Each structure stands twice: as structure tokens, then as C-alpha cells.
Amino acid sequence: MKHPDFQSEIRELNLAYLMLAQKMLRSDRETALFRLGIGAAFADCIENMSAARLVRMADSPMLIPCFRFDDEQLARLMAGEGRDEAASTLHAAIIAAGRAAEEAA
């Protein structure tokens, strides 16, 4: 049985992520740091990369973006599960923000 390697899909996702991250960082750095869940040093690296370097980095066989949490409850809230979809999304944002603050400390 042949196993797919998903390399082209990973490359596409990596490139889209890196391009979006660079655009976000150049537009509003502080918000981007929070939303991307990355540190200042990595942000500097991405922000200053040329397009050719972004493409080279995206070609990595590893997925560059990663989930910042592995909490099932948070994932369900972000998906809108709960009594009120809007409240679930807000609750998820509060939990995620609290976790980001804990990690930074």
C-alpha cells in the first residue's frame, strides 16, 4: 500500500502561512505576534526574508505553522460548539489569550 507524502500540500500551506505572517507583521506587529503565536526573534526572521527565501523555507518537508494548543475544549469552543456560537468564540479567545500570557511569562 502506497502512502501519500503530501509534500505539495505542505509546501502550499507553508508558503501561504509565511506570506500571510509577513504581511501581518509588516501591517501590525503586536497583533500579528499574538495571532500567530510566535516570538519576536522568529517574527524578525520572517519579516525580513526575501520572497526567494520564503519559498525556500516553505519547501521544507515539515509543516511550519503549528497548533498553539491541544485542548479539546478550546477546539470545540473555537468551532462554535456550545449554547451560543458567539459566546463560544469569545470564550475560546479569552482562554487562548490567557494561555499565550502564561507562555510568555
PDB file of N, CA and C in Angstrom:
ATOM      1  N   MET A   1       0.841  -1.189   0.000  1.00  0.00           N
ATOM      2  CA  MET A   1       0.000   0.000   0.000  1.00  0.00           C
ATOM      3  C   MET A   1       0.888   1.256   0.000  1.00  0.00           C
ATOM      4  N   LYS A   2       0.633   2.129  -0.941  1.00  0.00           N
ATOM      5  CA  LYS A   2       1.423   3.350  -1.055  1.00  0.00           C
ATOM      6  C   LYS A   2       0.868   4.426  -0.121  1.00  0.00           C
ATOM      7  N   HIS A   3       1.778   5.082   0.592  1.00  0.00           N
ATOM      8  CA  HIS A   3       1.383   6.156   1.498  1.00  0.00           C
ATOM      9  C   HIS A   3       1.685   7.497   0.841  1.00  0.00           C
ATOM     10  N   PRO A   4       0.695   8.401   0.792  1.00  0.00           N
ATOM     11  CA  PRO A   4       0.942   9.715   0.197  1.00  0.00           C
ATOM     12  C   PRO A   4       1.902  10.517   1.075  1.00  0.00           C
ATOM     13  N   ASP A   5       2.734  11.339   0.469  1.00  0.00           N
ATOM     14  CA  ASP A   5       3.666  12.142   1.262  1.00  0.00           C
ATOM     15  C   ASP A   5       3.161  13.562   1.519  1.00  0.00           C
ATOM     16  N   PHE A   6       2.170  14.009   0.790  1.00  0.00           N
ATOM     17  CA  PHE A   6       1.539  15.315   0.971  1.00  0.00           C
ATOM     18  C   PHE A   6       2.510  16.489   0.814  1.00  0.00           C
ATOM     19  N   GLN A   7       3.674  16.270   0.203  1.00  0.00           N
ATOM     20  CA  GLN A   7       4.687  17.313   0.109  1.00  0.00           C
ATOM     21  C   GLN A   7       4.184  18.568  -0.600  1.00  0.00           C
ATOM     22  N   SER A   8       3.458  18.407  -1.693  1.00  0.00           N
ATOM     23  CA  SER A   8       2.999  19.608  -2.407  1.00  0.00           C
ATOM     24  C   SER A   8       1.982  20.392  -1.576  1.00  0.00           C
ATOM     25  N   GLU A   9       1.124  19.686  -0.839  1.00  0.00           N
ATOM     26  CA  GLU A   9       0.151  20.360   0.018  1.00  0.00           C
ATOM     27  C   GLU A   9       0.849  21.072   1.176  1.00  0.00           C
ATOM     28  N   ILE A  10       1.860  20.429   1.746  1.00  0.00           N
ATOM     29  CA  ILE A  10       2.621  21.046   2.835  1.00  0.00           C
ATOM     30  C   ILE A  10       3.327  22.298   2.328  1.00  0.00           C
ATOM     31  N   ARG A  11       3.938  22.219   1.150  1.00  0.00           N
ATOM     32  CA  ARG A  11       4.631  23.367   0.561  1.00  0.00           C
ATOM     33  C   ARG A  11       3.658  24.530   0.370  1.00  0.00           C
ATOM     34  N   GLU A  12       2.480  24.241  -0.180  1.00  0.00           N
ATOM     35  CA  GLU A  12       1.474  25.290  -0.400  1.00  0.00           C
ATOM     36  C   GLU A  12       1.042  25.942   0.902  1.00  0.00           C
ATOM     37  N   LEU A  13       0.766  25.116   1.894  1.00  0.00           N
ATOM     38  CA  LEU A  13       0.333  25.632   3.190  1.00  0.00           C
ATOM     39  C   LEU A  13       1.438  26.458   3.843  1.00  0.00           C
ATOM     40  N   ASN A  14       2.667  25.946   3.802  1.00  0.00           N
ATOM     41  CA  ASN A  14       3.797  26.687   4.377  1.00  0.00           C
ATOM     42  C   ASN A  14       3.958  28.051   3.717  1.00  0.00           C
ATOM     43  N   LEU A  15       3.903  28.073   2.402  1.00  0.00           N
ATOM     44  CA  LEU A  15       4.091  29.332   1.689  1.00  0.00           C
ATOM     45  C   LEU A  15       2.962  30.314   2.003  1.00  0.00           C
ATOM     46  N   ALA A  16       1.743  29.833   2.012  1.00  0.00           N
ATOM     47  CA  ALA A  16       0.604  30.703   2.344  1.00  0.00           C
ATOM     48  C   ALA A  16       0.754  31.263   3.754  1.00  0.00           C
ATOM     49  N   TYR A  17       1.153  30.410   4.690  1.00  0.00           N
ATOM     50  CA  TYR A  17       1.341  30.839   6.081  1.00  0.00           C
ATOM     51  C   TYR A  17       2.442  31.892   6.174  1.00  0.00           C
ATOM     52  N   LEU A  18       3.579  31.631   5.555  1.00  0.00           N
ATOM     53  CA  LEU A  18       4.704  32.566   5.637  1.00  0.00           C
ATOM     54  C   LEU A  18       4.381  33.909   4.995  1.00  0.00           C
ATOM     55  N   MET A  19       3.694  33.879   3.863  1.00  0.00           N
ATOM     56  CA  MET A  19       3.324  35.132   3.199  1.00  0.00           C
ATOM     57  C   MET A  19       2.324  35.924   4.037  1.00  0.00           C
ATOM     58  N   LEU A  20       1.349  35.220   4.611  1.00  0.00           N
ATOM     59  CA  LEU A  20       0.383  35.889   5.476  1.00  0.00           C
ATOM     60  C   LEU A  20       1.067  36.441   6.723  1.00  0.00           C
ATOM     61  N   ALA A  21       1.935  35.644   7.332  1.00  0.00           N
ATOM     62  CA  ALA A  21       2.647  36.094   8.532  1.00  0.00           C
ATOM     63  C   ALA A  21       3.461  37.347   8.241  1.00  0.00           C
ATOM     64  N   GLN A  22       4.172  37.354   7.125  1.00  0.00           N
ATOM     65  CA  GLN A  22       4.986  38.510   6.765  1.00  0.00           C
ATOM     66  C   GLN A  22       4.110  39.751   6.566  1.00  0.00           C
ATOM     67  N   LYS A  23       3.000  39.573   5.885  1.00  0.00           N
ATOM     68  CA  LYS A  23       2.078  40.701   5.648  1.00  0.00           C
ATOM     69  C   LYS A  23       1.495  41.215   6.967  1.00  0.00           C
ATOM     70  N   MET A  24       1.098  40.294   7.846  1.00  0.00           N
ATOM     71  CA  MET A  24       0.549  40.691   9.141  1.00  0.00           C
ATOM     72  C   MET A  24       1.586  41.426   9.978  1.00  0.00           C
ATOM     73  N   LEU A  25       2.812  40.917   9.999  1.00  0.00           N
ATOM     74  CA  LEU A  25       3.878  41.530  10.790  1.00  0.00           C
ATOM     75  C   LEU A  25       4.209  42.928  10.300  1.00  0.00           C
ATOM     76  N   ARG A  26       4.190  43.113   9.013  1.00  0.00           N
ATOM     77  CA  ARG A  26       4.505  44.431   8.450  1.00  0.00           C
ATOM     78  C   ARG A  26       3.366  45.422   8.655  1.00  0.00           C
ATOM     79  N   SER A  27       2.158  44.912   8.824  1.00  0.00           N
ATOM     80  CA  SER A  27       0.995  45.770   8.996  1.00  0.00           C
ATOM     81  C   SER A  27       0.782  46.173  10.458  1.00  0.00           C
ATOM     82  N   ASP A  28       0.763  45.200  11.361  1.00  0.00           N
ATOM     83  CA  ASP A  28       0.517  45.456  12.785  1.00  0.00           C
ATOM     84  C   ASP A  28       1.254  44.382  13.582  1.00  0.00           C
ATOM     85  N   ARG A  29       2.482  44.670  13.912  1.00  0.00           N
ATOM     86  CA  ARG A  29       3.384  43.683  14.514  1.00  0.00           C
ATOM     87  C   ARG A  29       2.845  43.075  15.811  1.00  0.00           C
ATOM     88  N   GLU A  30       2.384  43.896  16.731  1.00  0.00           N
ATOM     89  CA  GLU A  30       1.936  43.372  18.037  1.00  0.00           C
ATOM     90  C   GLU A  30       0.742  42.430  17.903  1.00  0.00           C
ATOM     91  N   THR A  31      -0.219  42.804  17.086  1.00  0.00           N
ATOM     92  CA  THR A  31      -1.379  41.941  16.856  1.00  0.00           C
ATOM     93  C   THR A  31      -0.945  40.656  16.157  1.00  0.00           C
ATOM     94  N   ALA A  32      -0.039  40.783  15.210  1.00  0.00           N
ATOM     95  CA  ALA A  32       0.452  39.610  14.481  1.00  0.00           C
ATOM     96  C   ALA A  32       1.160  38.637  15.420  1.00  0.00           C
ATOM     97  N   LEU A  33       1.992  39.152  16.312  1.00  0.00           N
ATOM     98  CA  LEU A  33       2.688  38.287  17.265  1.00  0.00           C
ATOM     99  C   LEU A  33       1.685  37.474  18.076  1.00  0.00           C
ATOM    100  N   PHE A  34       0.630  38.123  18.519  1.00  0.00           N
ATOM    101  CA  PHE A  34      -0.393  37.435  19.308  1.00  0.00           C
ATOM    102  C   PHE A  34      -1.143  36.416  18.464  1.00  0.00           C
ATOM    103  N   ARG A  35      -1.628  36.841  17.308  1.00  0.00           N
ATOM    104  CA  ARG A  35      -2.437  35.949  16.473  1.00  0.00           C
ATOM    105  C   ARG A  35      -1.651  34.764  15.926  1.00  0.00           C
ATOM    106  N   LEU A  36      -0.393  35.000  15.581  1.00  0.00           N
ATOM    107  CA  LEU A  36       0.437  33.925  15.047  1.00  0.00           C
ATOM    108  C   LEU A  36       1.010  33.036  16.145  1.00  0.00           C
ATOM    109  N   GLY A  37       1.085  33.574  17.358  1.00  0.00           N
ATOM    110  CA  GLY A  37       1.638  32.806  18.461  1.00  0.00           C
ATOM    111  C   GLY A  37       3.127  32.565  18.319  1.00  0.00           C
ATOM    112  N   ILE A  38       3.840  33.570  17.797  1.00  0.00           N
ATOM    113  CA  ILE A  38       5.281  33.426  17.600  1.00  0.00           C
ATOM    114  C   ILE A  38       6.018  34.470  18.424  1.00  0.00           C
ATOM    115  N   GLY A  39       7.287  34.234  18.646  1.00  0.00           N
ATOM    116  CA  GLY A  39       8.119  35.164  19.387  1.00  0.00           C
ATOM    117  C   GLY A  39       8.705  36.239  18.493  1.00  0.00           C
ATOM    118  N   ALA A  40       9.293  37.249  19.126  1.00  0.00           N
ATOM    119  CA  ALA A  40       9.838  38.394  18.396  1.00  0.00           C
ATOM    120  C   ALA A  40      10.990  38.008  17.481  1.00  0.00           C
ATOM    121  N   ALA A  41      11.858  37.097  17.911  1.00  0.00           N
ATOM    122  CA  ALA A  41      13.015  36.714  17.089  1.00  0.00           C
ATOM    123  C   ALA A  41      12.567  36.024  15.805  1.00  0.00           C
ATOM    124  N   PHE A  42      11.615  35.103  15.912  1.00  0.00           N
ATOM    125  CA  PHE A  42      11.113  34.421  14.722  1.00  0.00           C
ATOM    126  C   PHE A  42      10.361  35.410  13.834  1.00  0.00           C
ATOM    127  N   ALA A  43       9.636  36.334  14.459  1.00  0.00           N
ATOM    128  CA  ALA A  43       8.919  37.359  13.692  1.00  0.00           C
ATOM    129  C   ALA A  43       9.902  38.211  12.893  1.00  0.00           C
ATOM    130  N   ASP A  44      11.014  38.608  13.510  1.00  0.00           N
ATOM    131  CA  ASP A  44      12.035  39.384  12.799  1.00  0.00           C
ATOM    132  C   ASP A  44      12.549  38.619  11.587  1.00  0.00           C
ATOM    133  N   CYS A  45      12.785  37.330  11.797  1.00  0.00           N
ATOM    134  CA  CYS A  45      13.296  36.477  10.724  1.00  0.00           C
ATOM    135  C   CYS A  45      12.324  36.457   9.538  1.00  0.00           C
ATOM    136  N   ILE A  46      11.054  36.207   9.813  1.00  0.00           N
ATOM    137  CA  ILE A  46      10.043  36.141   8.753  1.00  0.00           C
ATOM    138  C   ILE A  46       9.857  37.507   8.084  1.00  0.00           C
ATOM    139  N   GLU A  47       9.778  38.534   8.906  1.00  0.00           N
ATOM    140  CA  GLU A  47       9.500  39.880   8.391  1.00  0.00           C
ATOM    141  C   GLU A  47      10.584  40.356   7.423  1.00  0.00           C
ATOM    142  N   ASN A  48      11.820  39.954   7.647  1.00  0.00           N
ATOM    143  CA  ASN A  48      12.931  40.445   6.834  1.00  0.00           C
ATOM    144  C   ASN A  48      13.346  39.510   5.708  1.00  0.00           C
ATOM    145  N   MET A  49      12.656  38.399   5.529  1.00  0.00           N
ATOM    146  CA  MET A  49      13.012  37.447   4.477  1.00  0.00           C
ATOM    147  C   MET A  49      12.577  37.945   3.103  1.00  0.00           C
ATOM    148  N   SER A  50      13.415  37.646   2.123  1.00  0.00           N
ATOM    149  CA  SER A  50      13.050  37.950   0.739  1.00  0.00           C
ATOM    150  C   SER A  50      12.031  36.908   0.271  1.00  0.00           C
ATOM    151  N   ALA A  51      11.390  37.189  -0.838  1.00  0.00           N
ATOM    152  CA  ALA A  51      10.416  36.241  -1.395  1.00  0.00           C
ATOM    153  C   ALA A  51      11.082  34.906  -1.729  1.00  0.00           C
ATOM    154  N   ALA A  52      12.286  34.958  -2.261  1.00  0.00           N
ATOM    155  CA  ALA A  52      13.004  33.722  -2.619  1.00  0.00           C
ATOM    156  C   ALA A  52      13.284  32.879  -1.380  1.00  0.00           C
ATOM    157  N   ARG A  53      13.653  33.519  -0.285  1.00  0.00           N
ATOM    158  CA  ARG A  53      13.917  32.776   0.962  1.00  0.00           C
ATOM    159  C   ARG A  53      12.633  32.200   1.551  1.00  0.00           C
ATOM    160  N   LEU A  54      11.539  32.933   1.431  1.00  0.00           N
ATOM    161  CA  LEU A  54      10.253  32.412   1.903  1.00  0.00           C
ATOM    162  C   LEU A  54       9.899  31.138   1.139  1.00  0.00           C
ATOM    163  N   VAL A  55      10.099  31.165  -0.159  1.00  0.00           N
ATOM    164  CA  VAL A  55       9.798  29.996  -0.990  1.00  0.00           C
ATOM    165  C   VAL A  55      10.691  28.827  -0.590  1.00  0.00           C
ATOM    166  N   ARG A  56      11.982  29.094  -0.365  1.00  0.00           N
ATOM    167  CA  ARG A  56      12.897  28.030   0.057  1.00  0.00           C
ATOM    168  C   ARG A  56      12.488  27.449   1.407  1.00  0.00           C
ATOM    169  N   MET A  57      12.118  28.312   2.320  1.00  0.00           N
ATOM    170  CA  MET A  57      11.694  27.849   3.646  1.00  0.00           C
ATOM    171  C   MET A  57      10.403  27.035   3.541  1.00  0.00           C
ATOM    172  N   ALA A  58       9.494  27.467   2.689  1.00  0.00           N
ATOM    173  CA  ALA A  58       8.214  26.771   2.515  1.00  0.00           C
ATOM    174  C   ALA A  58       8.394  25.378   1.953  1.00  0.00           C
ATOM    175  N   ASP A  59       9.492  25.154   1.264  1.00  0.00           N
ATOM    176  CA  ASP A  59       9.742  23.863   0.639  1.00  0.00           C
ATOM    177  C   ASP A  59      10.152  22.781   1.648  1.00  0.00           C
ATOM    178  N   SER A  60      10.202  23.133   2.894  1.00  0.00           N
ATOM    179  CA  SER A  60      10.559  22.172   3.948  1.00  0.00           C
ATOM    180  C   SER A  60       9.555  21.025   3.984  1.00  0.00           C
ATOM    181  N   PRO A  61      10.011  19.811   4.278  1.00  0.00           N
ATOM    182  CA  PRO A  61       9.073  18.689   4.363  1.00  0.00           C
ATOM    183  C   PRO A  61       8.237  18.717   5.648  1.00  0.00           C
ATOM    184  N   MET A  62       8.532  19.668   6.525  1.00  0.00           N
ATOM    185  CA  MET A  62       7.792  19.785   7.782  1.00  0.00           C
ATOM    186  C   MET A  62       6.805  20.940   7.696  1.00  0.00           C
ATOM    187  N   LEU A  63       5.694  20.792   8.373  1.00  0.00           N
ATOM    188  CA  LEU A  63       4.695  21.843   8.439  1.00  0.00           C
ATOM    189  C   LEU A  63       5.214  22.964   9.338  1.00  0.00           C
ATOM    190  N   ILE A  64       5.271  24.187   8.830  1.00  0.00           N
ATOM    191  CA  ILE A  64       5.799  25.312   9.605  1.00  0.00           C
ATOM    192  C   ILE A  64       4.783  25.810  10.636  1.00  0.00           C
ATOM    193  N   PRO A  65       3.543  26.088  10.235  1.00  0.00           N
ATOM    194  CA  PRO A  65       2.591  26.510  11.267  1.00  0.00           C
ATOM    195  C   PRO A  65       2.246  25.328  12.167  1.00  0.00           C
ATOM    196  N   CYS A  66       1.984  25.633  13.426  1.00  0.00           N
ATOM    197  CA  CYS A  66       1.596  24.555  14.339  1.00  0.00           C
ATOM    198  C   CYS A  66       0.471  25.046  15.241  1.00  0.00           C
ATOM    199  N   PHE A  67      -0.261  24.098  15.791  1.00  0.00           N
ATOM    200  CA  PHE A  67      -1.335  24.443  16.707  1.00  0.00           C
ATOM    201  C   PHE A  67      -0.728  24.941  18.006  1.00  0.00           C
ATOM    202  N   ARG A  68      -1.273  26.006  18.532  1.00  0.00           N
ATOM    203  CA  ARG A  68      -0.745  26.570  19.768  1.00  0.00           C
ATOM    204  C   ARG A  68      -1.304  25.879  20.988  1.00  0.00           C
ATOM    205  N   PHE A  69      -2.251  25.018  20.793  1.00  0.00           N
ATOM    206  CA  PHE A  69      -2.872  24.344  21.922  1.00  0.00           C
ATOM    207  C   PHE A  69      -3.318  22.970  21.478  1.00  0.00           C
ATOM    208  N   ASP A  70      -3.514  22.114  22.442  1.00  0.00           N
ATOM    209  CA  ASP A  70      -4.039  20.782  22.125  1.00  0.00           C
ATOM    210  C   ASP A  70      -5.194  20.451  23.071  1.00  0.00           C
ATOM    211  N   ASP A  71      -5.940  21.469  23.385  1.00  0.00           N
ATOM    212  CA  ASP A  71      -7.037  21.364  24.320  1.00  0.00           C
ATOM    213  C   ASP A  71      -8.336  21.115  23.548  1.00  0.00           C
ATOM    214  N   GLU A  72      -8.954  19.985  23.805  1.00  0.00           N
ATOM    215  CA  GLU A  72     -10.190  19.627  23.097  1.00  0.00           C
ATOM    216  C   GLU A  72     -11.304  20.638  23.356  1.00  0.00           C
ATOM    217  N   GLN A  73     -11.429  21.085  24.611  1.00  0.00           N
ATOM    218  CA  GLN A  73     -12.480  22.050  24.934  1.00  0.00           C
ATOM    219  C   GLN A  73     -12.294  23.341  24.137  1.00  0.00           C
ATOM    220  N   LEU A  74     -11.062  23.816  24.067  1.00  0.00           N
ATOM    221  CA  LEU A  74     -10.800  25.039  23.323  1.00  0.00           C
ATOM    222  C   LEU A  74     -11.110  24.855  21.837  1.00  0.00           C
ATOM    223  N   ALA A  75     -10.741  23.721  21.288  1.00  0.00           N
ATOM    224  CA  ALA A  75     -11.029  23.451  19.877  1.00  0.00           C
ATOM    225  C   ALA A  75     -12.530  23.434  19.624  1.00  0.00           C
ATOM    226  N   ARG A  76     -13.276  22.818  20.513  1.00  0.00           N
ATOM    227  CA  ARG A  76     -14.741  22.785  20.354  1.00  0.00           C
ATOM    228  C   ARG A  76     -15.349  24.183  20.454  1.00  0.00           C
ATOM    229  N   LEU A  77     -14.846  24.986  21.385  1.00  0.00           N
ATOM    230  CA  LEU A  77     -15.350  26.351  21.516  1.00  0.00           C
ATOM    231  C   LEU A  77     -15.048  27.164  20.260  1.00  0.00           C
ATOM    232  N   MET A  78     -13.850  27.001  19.727  1.00  0.00           N
ATOM    233  CA  MET A  78     -13.483  27.740  18.517  1.00  0.00           C
ATOM    234  C   MET A  78     -14.331  27.307  17.325  1.00  0.00           C
ATOM    235  N   ALA A  79     -14.798  26.068  17.349  1.00  0.00           N
ATOM    236  CA  ALA A  79     -15.656  25.565  16.275  1.00  0.00           C
ATOM    237  C   ALA A  79     -17.109  25.996  16.464  1.00  0.00           C
ATOM    238  N   GLY A  80     -17.384  26.709  17.569  1.00  0.00           N
ATOM    239  CA  GLY A  80     -18.724  27.232  17.786  1.00  0.00           C
ATOM    240  C   GLY A  80     -19.653  26.307  18.537  1.00  0.00           C
ATOM    241  N   GLU A  81     -19.108  25.252  19.140  1.00  0.00           N
ATOM    242  CA  GLU A  81     -19.969  24.363  19.925  1.00  0.00           C
ATOM    243  C   GLU A  81     -20.300  25.030  21.251  1.00  0.00           C
ATOM    244  N   GLY A  82     -21.462  24.791  21.723  1.00  0.00           N
ATOM    245  CA  GLY A  82     -21.904  25.392  22.975  1.00  0.00           C
ATOM    246  C   GLY A  82     -23.305  25.944  22.822  1.00  0.00           C
ATOM    247  N   ARG A  83     -23.771  26.585  23.861  1.00  0.00           N
ATOM    248  CA  ARG A  83     -25.133  27.125  23.824  1.00  0.00           C
ATOM    249  C   ARG A  83     -25.280  28.266  22.832  1.00  0.00           C
ATOM    250  N   ASP A  84     -24.271  29.114  22.772  1.00  0.00           N
ATOM    251  CA  ASP A  84     -24.333  30.293  21.914  1.00  0.00           C
ATOM    252  C   ASP A  84     -23.026  30.390  21.133  1.00  0.00           C
ATOM    253  N   GLU A  85     -23.105  30.334  19.809  1.00  0.00           N
ATOM    254  CA  GLU A  85     -21.907  30.313  18.974  1.00  0.00           C
ATOM    255  C   GLU A  85     -21.016  31.530  19.205  1.00  0.00           C
ATOM    256  N   ALA A  86     -21.597  32.713  19.295  1.00  0.00           N
ATOM    257  CA  ALA A  86     -20.807  33.932  19.500  1.00  0.00           C
ATOM    258  C   ALA A  86     -20.110  33.894  20.855  1.00  0.00           C
ATOM    259  N   ALA A  87     -20.812  33.459  21.880  1.00  0.00           N
ATOM    260  CA  ALA A  87     -20.216  33.370  23.211  1.00  0.00           C
ATOM    261  C   ALA A  87     -19.117  32.317  23.242  1.00  0.00           C
ATOM    262  N   SER A  88     -19.302  31.220  22.513  1.00  0.00           N
ATOM    263  CA  SER A  88     -18.288  30.166  22.461  1.00  0.00           C
ATOM    264  C   SER A  88     -16.994  30.694  21.847  1.00  0.00           C
ATOM    265  N   THR A  89     -17.117  31.468  20.787  1.00  0.00           N
ATOM    266  CA  THR A  89     -15.948  32.030  20.128  1.00  0.00           C
ATOM    267  C   THR A  89     -15.235  33.014  21.044  1.00  0.00           C
ATOM    268  N   LEU A  90     -15.979  33.839  21.736  1.00  0.00           N
ATOM    269  CA  LEU A  90     -15.397  34.788  22.681  1.00  0.00           C
ATOM    270  C   LEU A  90     -14.717  34.057  23.827  1.00  0.00           C
ATOM    271  N   HIS A  91     -15.359  33.036  24.353  1.00  0.00           N
ATOM    272  CA  HIS A  91     -14.794  32.234  25.428  1.00  0.00           C
ATOM    273  C   HIS A  91     -13.477  31.605  24.972  1.00  0.00           C
ATOM    274  N   ALA A  92     -13.435  31.086  23.763  1.00  0.00           N
ATOM    275  CA  ALA A  92     -12.215  30.483  23.212  1.00  0.00           C
ATOM    276  C   ALA A  92     -11.102  31.520  23.110  1.00  0.00           C
ATOM    277  N   ALA A  93     -11.427  32.726  22.670  1.00  0.00           N
ATOM    278  CA  ALA A  93     -10.422  33.784  22.547  1.00  0.00           C
ATOM    279  C   ALA A  93      -9.844  34.150  23.905  1.00  0.00           C
ATOM    280  N   ILE A  94     -10.695  34.186  24.923  1.00  0.00           N
ATOM    281  CA  ILE A  94     -10.234  34.503  26.281  1.00  0.00           C
ATOM    282  C   ILE A  94      -9.296  33.418  26.793  1.00  0.00           C
ATOM    283  N   ILE A  95      -9.661  32.166  26.589  1.00  0.00           N
ATOM    284  CA  ILE A  95      -8.809  31.054  27.023  1.00  0.00           C
ATOM    285  C   ILE A  95      -7.471  31.089  26.291  1.00  0.00           C
ATOM    286  N   ALA A  96      -7.496  31.292  24.979  1.00  0.00           N
ATOM    287  CA  ALA A  96      -6.273  31.329  24.172  1.00  0.00           C
ATOM    288  C   ALA A  96      -5.373  32.486  24.601  1.00  0.00           C
ATOM    289  N   ALA A  97      -5.962  33.636  24.868  1.00  0.00           N
ATOM    290  CA  ALA A  97      -5.179  34.793  25.298  1.00  0.00           C
ATOM    291  C   ALA A  97      -4.521  34.534  26.646  1.00  0.00           C
ATOM    292  N   GLY A  98      -5.251  33.884  27.537  1.00  0.00           N
ATOM    293  CA  GLY A  98      -4.692  33.546  28.843  1.00  0.00           C
ATOM    294  C   GLY A  98      -3.535  32.589  28.715  1.00  0.00           C
ATOM    295  N   ARG A  99      -3.644  31.628  27.825  1.00  0.00           N
ATOM    296  CA  ARG A  99      -2.553  30.654  27.618  1.00  0.00           C
ATOM    297  C   ARG A  99      -1.336  31.345  27.023  1.00  0.00           C
ATOM    298  N   ALA A 100      -1.559  32.274  26.099  1.00  0.00           N
ATOM    299  CA  ALA A 100      -0.440  32.994  25.482  1.00  0.00           C
ATOM    300  C   ALA A 100       0.301  33.810  26.542  1.00  0.00           C
ATOM    301  N   ALA A 101      -0.440  34.435  27.437  1.00  0.00           N
ATOM    302  CA  ALA A 101       0.177  35.211  28.506  1.00  0.00           C
ATOM    303  C   ALA A 101       0.970  34.321  29.454  1.00  0.00           C
ATOM    304  N   GLU A 102       0.456  33.141  29.748  1.00  0.00           N
ATOM    305  CA  GLU A 102       1.158  32.198  30.628  1.00  0.00           C
ATOM    306  C   GLU A 102       2.467  31.747  30.000  1.00  0.00           C
ATOM    307  N   GLU A 103       2.450  31.476  28.698  1.00  0.00           N
ATOM    308  CA  GLU A 103       3.647  31.008  27.995  1.00  0.00           C
ATOM    309  C   GLU A 103       4.699  32.104  27.921  1.00  0.00           C
ATOM    310  N   ALA A 104       4.270  33.362  27.803  1.00  0.00           N
ATOM    311  CA  ALA A 104       5.200  34.467  27.707  1.00  0.00           C
ATOM    312  C   ALA A 104       5.896  34.741  29.034  1.00  0.00           C
ATOM    313  N   ALA A 105       5.240  34.399  30.110  1.00  0.00           N
ATOM    314  CA  ALA A 105       5.799  34.690  31.440  1.00  0.00           C
ATOM    315  C   ALA A 105       6.897  33.744  31.835  1.00  0.00           C
TER     316      ALA A 105
END
